[in-house]
């Protein structure tokens, strides 16, 4: 008999459309599932309510997610980006899964933490990394990439209409001082933001 699901930390993130996501998975109690954006464990906790002899694998590269405290013998947390899904599961002897859940994007927890650099409500260092131990920060990109690289990022990934103008303003601003915080970025690009978007 499995142990009940327990969560030992405060609320990390409240999943949106939780009921609908769980219903769409059509969970087999004996199945094997992957929650590739574990976060605070909200989806995983609900999946485990329906799994009996099955297994759930959670993936997350954000150290804050590791503190969720989800403890259950049917659950394994893999502290990696889900791009390593296949190899990580293969290492554990899992060749197939019955369902996968991906709640893509930034969580409310990350937006509410000024030090993560995702928020426009709170001033903080421009970090924006899911894994704060790897890769370059948003500040590094804004200050070190050339104008064309920034334009492509804004246009292709941010779908910014005036990507070229935005990249030009950032490059002009950083000539006098590096852009290191969310407030500095907001100030720099204020003239680039349409009035109806403020």
Protein backbone atom coordinates (compact mmCIF):
# COMPACT_ATOMS: atom_id res chain seq x y z
CA UNK A 1 0.00 0.00 0.00
CA UNK A 2 1.40 3.38 -0.99
CA UNK A 3 1.99 6.18 1.47
CA UNK A 4 -0.24 9.27 1.23
CA UNK A 5 1.02 12.27 -0.68
CA UNK A 6 2.52 14.91 1.60
CA UNK A 7 3.66 18.45 0.85
CA UNK A 8 5.91 20.04 3.44
CA UNK A 9 6.36 23.57 2.13
CA UNK A 10 4.25 26.65 1.61
CA UNK A 11 2.38 27.10 -1.66
CA UNK A 12 4.80 27.59 -4.56
CA UNK A 13 2.39 28.01 -7.46
CA UNK A 14 -1.33 27.37 -7.95
CA UNK A 15 -1.80 25.52 -11.25
CA UNK A 16 -4.34 26.92 -13.70
CA UNK A 17 -6.85 24.48 -15.28
CA UNK A 18 -5.71 21.79 -12.86
CA UNK A 19 -8.89 19.70 -13.06
CA UNK A 20 -8.97 19.87 -16.85
CA UNK A 21 -5.31 18.85 -17.16
CA UNK A 22 -5.74 15.83 -14.91
CA UNK A 23 -8.92 14.75 -16.72
CA UNK A 24 -7.18 15.05 -20.10
CA UNK A 25 -4.43 12.66 -18.95
CA UNK A 26 -7.02 9.87 -18.45
CA UNK A 27 -4.79 8.40 -15.76
CA UNK A 28 -4.36 4.65 -15.54
CA UNK A 29 -3.75 3.83 -11.85
CA UNK A 30 -0.98 1.45 -12.92
CA UNK A 31 0.52 3.78 -15.52
CA UNK A 32 3.79 5.67 -15.74
CA UNK A 33 3.60 9.47 -16.04
CA UNK A 34 5.92 12.45 -16.35
CA UNK A 35 5.33 15.96 -15.06
CA UNK A 36 8.07 17.75 -16.98
CA UNK A 37 7.48 21.13 -15.30
CA UNK A 38 7.23 20.02 -11.69
CA UNK A 39 7.44 23.49 -10.11
CA UNK A 40 5.71 23.38 -6.74
CA UNK A 41 4.24 19.93 -7.34
CA UNK A 42 0.61 20.98 -7.73
CA UNK A 43 -0.04 18.86 -10.83
CA UNK A 44 2.07 15.99 -9.51
CA UNK A 45 0.11 15.86 -6.27
CA UNK A 46 -3.14 15.49 -8.22
CA UNK A 47 -1.70 12.84 -10.54
CA UNK A 48 -0.56 10.82 -7.54
CA UNK A 49 -4.11 10.86 -6.13
CA UNK A 50 -5.09 8.70 -9.11
CA UNK A 51 -2.02 6.47 -9.34
CA UNK A 52 -1.89 3.28 -7.27
CA UNK A 53 0.89 0.96 -8.43
CA UNK A 54 2.08 3.31 -11.16
CA UNK A 55 4.94 5.78 -11.11
CA UNK A 56 5.37 9.52 -11.62
CA UNK A 57 8.58 11.25 -12.68
CA UNK A 58 8.90 14.99 -12.13
CA UNK A 59 11.42 17.16 -13.98
CA UNK A 60 12.60 20.62 -12.97
CA UNK A 61 15.85 22.58 -13.13
CA UNK A 62 14.76 25.34 -10.74
CA UNK A 63 16.26 24.83 -7.28
CA UNK A 64 13.19 26.44 -5.68
CA UNK A 65 11.12 23.54 -7.00
CA UNK A 66 13.22 21.06 -5.04
CA UNK A 67 11.95 22.56 -1.81
CA UNK A 68 8.31 21.64 -2.46
CA UNK A 69 8.62 18.70 -0.10
CA UNK A 70 6.59 16.23 -2.18
CA UNK A 71 7.38 12.88 -0.61
CA UNK A 72 5.83 9.74 -2.05
CA UNK A 73 7.25 6.32 -2.87
CA UNK A 74 5.62 6.46 -6.32
CA UNK A 75 7.33 9.74 -7.19
CA UNK A 76 10.86 10.47 -8.44
CA UNK A 77 12.11 14.05 -8.89
CA UNK A 78 14.72 14.41 -11.62
CA UNK A 79 16.64 17.65 -11.17
CA UNK A 80 17.13 18.37 -14.85
CA UNK A 81 15.58 20.23 -17.76
CA UNK A 82 12.98 18.07 -19.48
CA UNK A 83 15.06 18.06 -22.67
CA UNK A 84 16.79 15.17 -20.89
CA UNK A 85 13.49 13.28 -20.51
CA UNK A 86 14.31 10.31 -22.73
CA UNK A 87 17.85 9.73 -21.49
CA UNK A 88 16.93 10.27 -17.83
CA UNK A 89 14.03 7.83 -17.94
CA UNK A 90 16.09 5.34 -19.93
CA UNK A 91 18.76 5.47 -17.20
CA UNK A 92 16.03 4.47 -14.75
CA UNK A 93 14.90 1.58 -16.96
CA UNK A 94 11.79 3.35 -18.28
CA UNK A 95 11.28 2.99 -22.04
CA UNK A 96 7.66 4.16 -22.35
CA UNK A 97 5.25 6.38 -20.44
CA UNK A 98 1.47 6.56 -20.46
CA UNK A 99 1.16 10.31 -20.25
CA UNK A 100 3.06 13.57 -19.98
CA UNK A 101 2.09 16.94 -18.51
CA UNK A 102 3.91 20.17 -19.40
CA UNK A 103 2.80 23.46 -17.83
CA UNK A 104 5.14 25.66 -19.86
CA UNK A 105 6.06 29.19 -18.92
CA UNK A 106 7.00 31.15 -15.83
CA UNK A 107 5.23 30.40 -12.56
CA UNK A 108 3.61 32.90 -10.22
CA UNK A 109 6.33 32.02 -7.70
CA UNK A 110 9.00 33.20 -10.14
CA UNK A 111 7.08 36.41 -10.93
CA UNK A 112 6.61 37.11 -7.22
CA UNK A 113 10.33 36.71 -6.41
CA UNK A 114 12.14 39.97 -7.22
CA UNK A 115 15.53 38.26 -7.10
CA UNK A 116 14.58 35.98 -10.02
CA UNK A 117 14.36 38.98 -12.36
CA UNK A 118 11.15 37.96 -14.13
CA UNK A 119 8.88 40.53 -12.52
CA UNK A 120 8.07 44.00 -13.78
CA UNK A 121 6.34 44.79 -10.46
CA UNK A 122 9.44 44.45 -8.28
CA UNK A 123 12.89 45.78 -8.96
CA UNK A 124 15.56 43.13 -9.00
CA UNK A 125 18.60 41.91 -10.90
CA UNK A 126 17.87 40.89 -14.47
CA UNK A 127 18.43 37.16 -14.10
CA UNK A 128 15.49 35.30 -15.72
CA UNK A 129 17.20 31.90 -15.65
CA UNK A 130 15.18 28.82 -14.76
CA UNK A 131 18.37 27.26 -13.41
CA UNK A 132 20.33 30.02 -11.69
CA UNK A 133 23.52 27.95 -11.73
CA UNK A 134 23.73 27.63 -15.51
CA UNK A 135 23.91 29.88 -18.52
CA UNK A 136 23.95 33.62 -18.99
CA UNK A 137 21.58 36.04 -17.29
CA UNK A 138 19.15 38.37 -19.04
CA UNK A 139 21.49 41.22 -18.05
CA UNK A 140 24.38 39.49 -19.81
CA UNK A 141 22.32 39.17 -22.98
CA UNK A 142 21.06 42.76 -22.90
CA UNK A 143 24.53 44.18 -22.34
CA UNK A 144 26.73 41.86 -24.38
CA UNK A 145 24.75 40.80 -27.45
CA UNK A 146 24.92 43.01 -30.51
CA UNK A 147 21.95 44.92 -31.88
CA UNK A 148 21.08 42.33 -34.54
CA UNK A 149 21.17 39.46 -32.04
CA UNK A 150 18.85 41.37 -29.70
CA UNK A 151 16.49 42.23 -32.54
CA UNK A 152 16.23 38.55 -33.53
CA UNK A 153 15.60 37.46 -29.94
CA UNK A 154 12.88 40.08 -29.43
CA UNK A 155 11.24 39.34 -32.78
CA UNK A 156 11.49 35.54 -32.86
CA UNK A 157 11.05 34.65 -29.20
CA UNK A 158 9.27 37.69 -27.80
CA UNK A 159 7.12 38.41 -30.86
CA UNK A 160 7.85 42.11 -30.31
CA UNK A 161 6.41 44.24 -33.13
CA UNK A 162 9.07 46.96 -32.93
CA UNK A 163 11.99 44.60 -32.20
CA UNK A 164 14.50 46.66 -34.16
CA UNK A 165 13.61 49.88 -32.38
CA UNK A 166 13.73 48.14 -28.99
CA UNK A 167 17.17 46.64 -29.71
CA UNK A 168 18.48 50.04 -30.85
CA UNK A 169 17.26 51.78 -27.65
CA UNK A 170 18.86 49.13 -25.43
CA UNK A 171 22.18 49.41 -27.29
CA UNK A 172 22.12 53.20 -26.97
CA UNK A 173 21.25 53.06 -23.25
CA UNK A 174 23.98 50.58 -22.33
CA UNK A 175 26.69 52.82 -23.82
CA UNK A 176 26.52 55.01 -20.72
CA UNK A 177 25.70 52.34 -18.12
CA UNK A 178 25.04 48.60 -18.04
CA UNK A 179 21.40 47.59 -17.70
CA UNK A 180 21.45 45.36 -14.61
CA UNK A 181 17.98 45.61 -13.02
CA UNK A 182 14.36 45.31 -14.09
CA UNK A 183 13.78 48.96 -13.16
CA UNK A 184 16.68 50.11 -15.33
CA UNK A 185 15.29 48.10 -18.24
CA UNK A 186 11.79 49.52 -17.76
CA UNK A 187 13.17 53.06 -17.70
CA UNK A 188 15.31 52.45 -20.79
CA UNK A 189 12.48 51.10 -22.93
CA UNK A 190 9.66 53.30 -21.63
CA UNK A 191 9.53 55.38 -24.81
CA UNK A 192 9.29 52.18 -26.83
CA UNK A 193 6.16 50.91 -25.08
CA UNK A 194 2.79 51.76 -26.60
CA UNK A 195 0.51 53.72 -24.25
CA UNK A 196 -2.19 51.01 -24.38
CA UNK A 197 0.38 48.41 -23.23
CA UNK A 198 1.41 50.26 -20.05
